[in-house]
Protein backbone atom coordinates (compact mmCIF):
# COMPACT_ATOMS: atom_id res chain seq x y z
CA MET A 1 -41.95 0.71 -11.25
CA LYS A 2 -40.48 2.64 -13.73
CA ILE A 3 -38.21 4.32 -11.59
CA LYS A 4 -36.19 1.14 -10.56
CA GLU A 5 -36.12 0.28 -14.02
CA THR A 6 -34.95 3.28 -14.89
CA ALA A 7 -31.81 2.55 -11.86
CA THR A 8 -31.40 -0.31 -13.19
CA LEU A 9 -30.18 0.87 -16.64
CA ILE A 10 -28.42 3.86 -14.89
CA THR A 11 -26.44 1.24 -12.74
CA LEU A 12 -25.44 -1.15 -15.85
CA LEU A 13 -24.71 1.90 -18.27
CA ALA A 14 -22.36 3.25 -15.03
CA GLY A 15 -20.37 0.14 -15.28
CA ILE A 16 -20.21 -0.46 -18.66
CA ALA A 17 -18.66 2.91 -18.77
CA VAL A 18 -15.70 1.43 -16.34
CA ASN A 19 -12.62 -0.12 -17.08
CA LEU A 20 -10.67 -1.59 -14.61
CA VAL A 21 -6.78 -1.75 -15.38
CA SER A 22 -4.95 -3.94 -12.99
CA GLN A 23 -1.25 -4.65 -12.82
CA ASP A 24 -1.64 -7.89 -11.06
CA SER A 25 -3.92 -9.39 -13.77
CA VAL A 26 -1.61 -8.69 -16.63
CA ALA A 27 1.91 -9.17 -14.65
CA ALA A 28 2.10 -12.75 -15.05
CA GLY A 29 1.52 -12.33 -19.43
CA GLY A 30 4.66 -9.50 -19.40
CA GLY A 31 1.01 -7.31 -19.49
CA ASP A 32 3.00 -4.30 -17.93
CA ASP A 33 3.55 -2.41 -21.07
CA TRP A 34 0.28 -2.98 -22.32
CA ILE A 35 -0.67 -0.72 -19.06
CA LEU A 36 1.56 2.45 -19.22
CA GLN A 37 0.82 2.86 -22.88
CA GLN A 38 -2.94 3.05 -21.95
CA LEU A 39 -1.65 5.29 -19.12
CA HIS A 40 0.96 7.44 -20.84
CA GLU A 41 0.52 7.01 -24.92
CA PRO A 42 -3.27 6.65 -25.14
CA SER A 43 -4.51 5.31 -28.06
CA SER A 44 -7.24 7.56 -30.19
CA SER A 45 -10.22 5.22 -29.69
CA LEU A 46 -9.39 5.47 -25.82
CA ARG A 47 -9.84 9.28 -25.89
CA ARG A 48 -12.45 9.07 -27.30
CA MET A 49 -13.95 6.74 -24.95
CA GLU A 50 -12.80 8.93 -22.43
CA ASP A 51 -14.29 12.08 -24.10
CA ALA A 52 -17.69 10.26 -23.66
CA GLY A 53 -16.90 9.42 -20.01
CA ARG A 54 -15.30 6.50 -19.85
CA ILE A 55 -13.22 6.00 -16.67
CA THR A 56 -10.01 3.87 -16.09
CA ILE A 57 -9.29 2.04 -12.67
CA TYR A 58 -5.34 1.52 -12.85
CA ASP A 59 -4.53 -0.46 -9.80
CA GLY A 60 -1.25 -1.57 -8.80
CA LEU A 61 1.13 1.13 -9.86
CA ALA A 62 4.05 2.34 -9.19
CA VAL A 63 3.73 6.03 -8.12
CA ALA A 64 6.35 7.09 -10.38
CA ASP A 65 3.79 6.27 -13.08
CA VAL A 66 1.32 8.07 -11.39
CA ASP A 67 3.00 11.32 -10.76
CA LEU A 68 4.18 10.62 -14.58
CA ALA A 69 0.98 10.65 -15.55
CA MET A 70 -0.48 13.61 -13.12
CA ASP A 71 2.32 15.88 -14.51
CA ASN A 72 1.88 14.52 -18.33
CA GLN A 73 -1.48 13.65 -18.93
CA PHE A 74 -3.40 16.76 -16.44
CA ASP A 75 -6.02 17.15 -19.38
CA ARG A 76 -7.68 13.21 -18.71
CA ILE A 77 -6.96 13.56 -15.12
CA GLY A 78 -11.02 13.05 -15.11
CA SER A 79 -11.22 9.80 -16.74
CA MET A 80 -8.75 8.02 -14.59
CA MET A 81 -8.78 6.47 -11.22
CA PHE A 82 -5.43 5.24 -9.02
CA VAL A 83 -6.22 2.76 -6.45
CA ARG A 84 -3.59 0.64 -4.26
CA THR A 85 -0.80 3.00 -5.60
CA ARG A 86 3.14 1.01 -4.87
CA HIS A 87 5.72 2.97 -3.21
CA PRO A 88 9.56 2.11 -2.98
CA VAL A 89 10.43 1.48 0.63
CA GLY A 90 14.20 1.49 1.77
CA GLY A 91 15.93 -1.83 1.33
CA GLY A 92 14.10 -3.10 -1.59
CA GLY A 93 10.26 -3.62 -2.54
CA PHE A 94 7.11 -1.66 -2.28
CA GLU A 95 4.59 -0.50 0.15
CA THR A 96 0.78 -0.45 -1.06
CA ASP A 97 -1.89 2.16 -0.34
CA SER A 98 -4.34 0.89 1.12
CA ASP A 99 -7.26 2.68 -0.06
CA CYS A 100 -10.47 0.34 1.35
CA ASP A 101 -9.17 2.16 5.21
């Protein structure tokens, strides 16, 4: 029983250490600026949380923003995860990565 309790605790702590930031979830409220600021100009509190092991999952960002972060925030790369990245396509619009295949 002790092993099961330990595994449950580890699972809960891992869940707390992950922050999912979705372009879709805040776009309706004009939150795009907040997501990009968090990505490109993180607050000192976010940096401290990342140093303690927090991972932020950025969902649905444009590939240009991901590339910029990779170039300018390389020291934070271990604390960032990008899913469903949007790539521009000819004729306008975007194509989204399918990270579930």
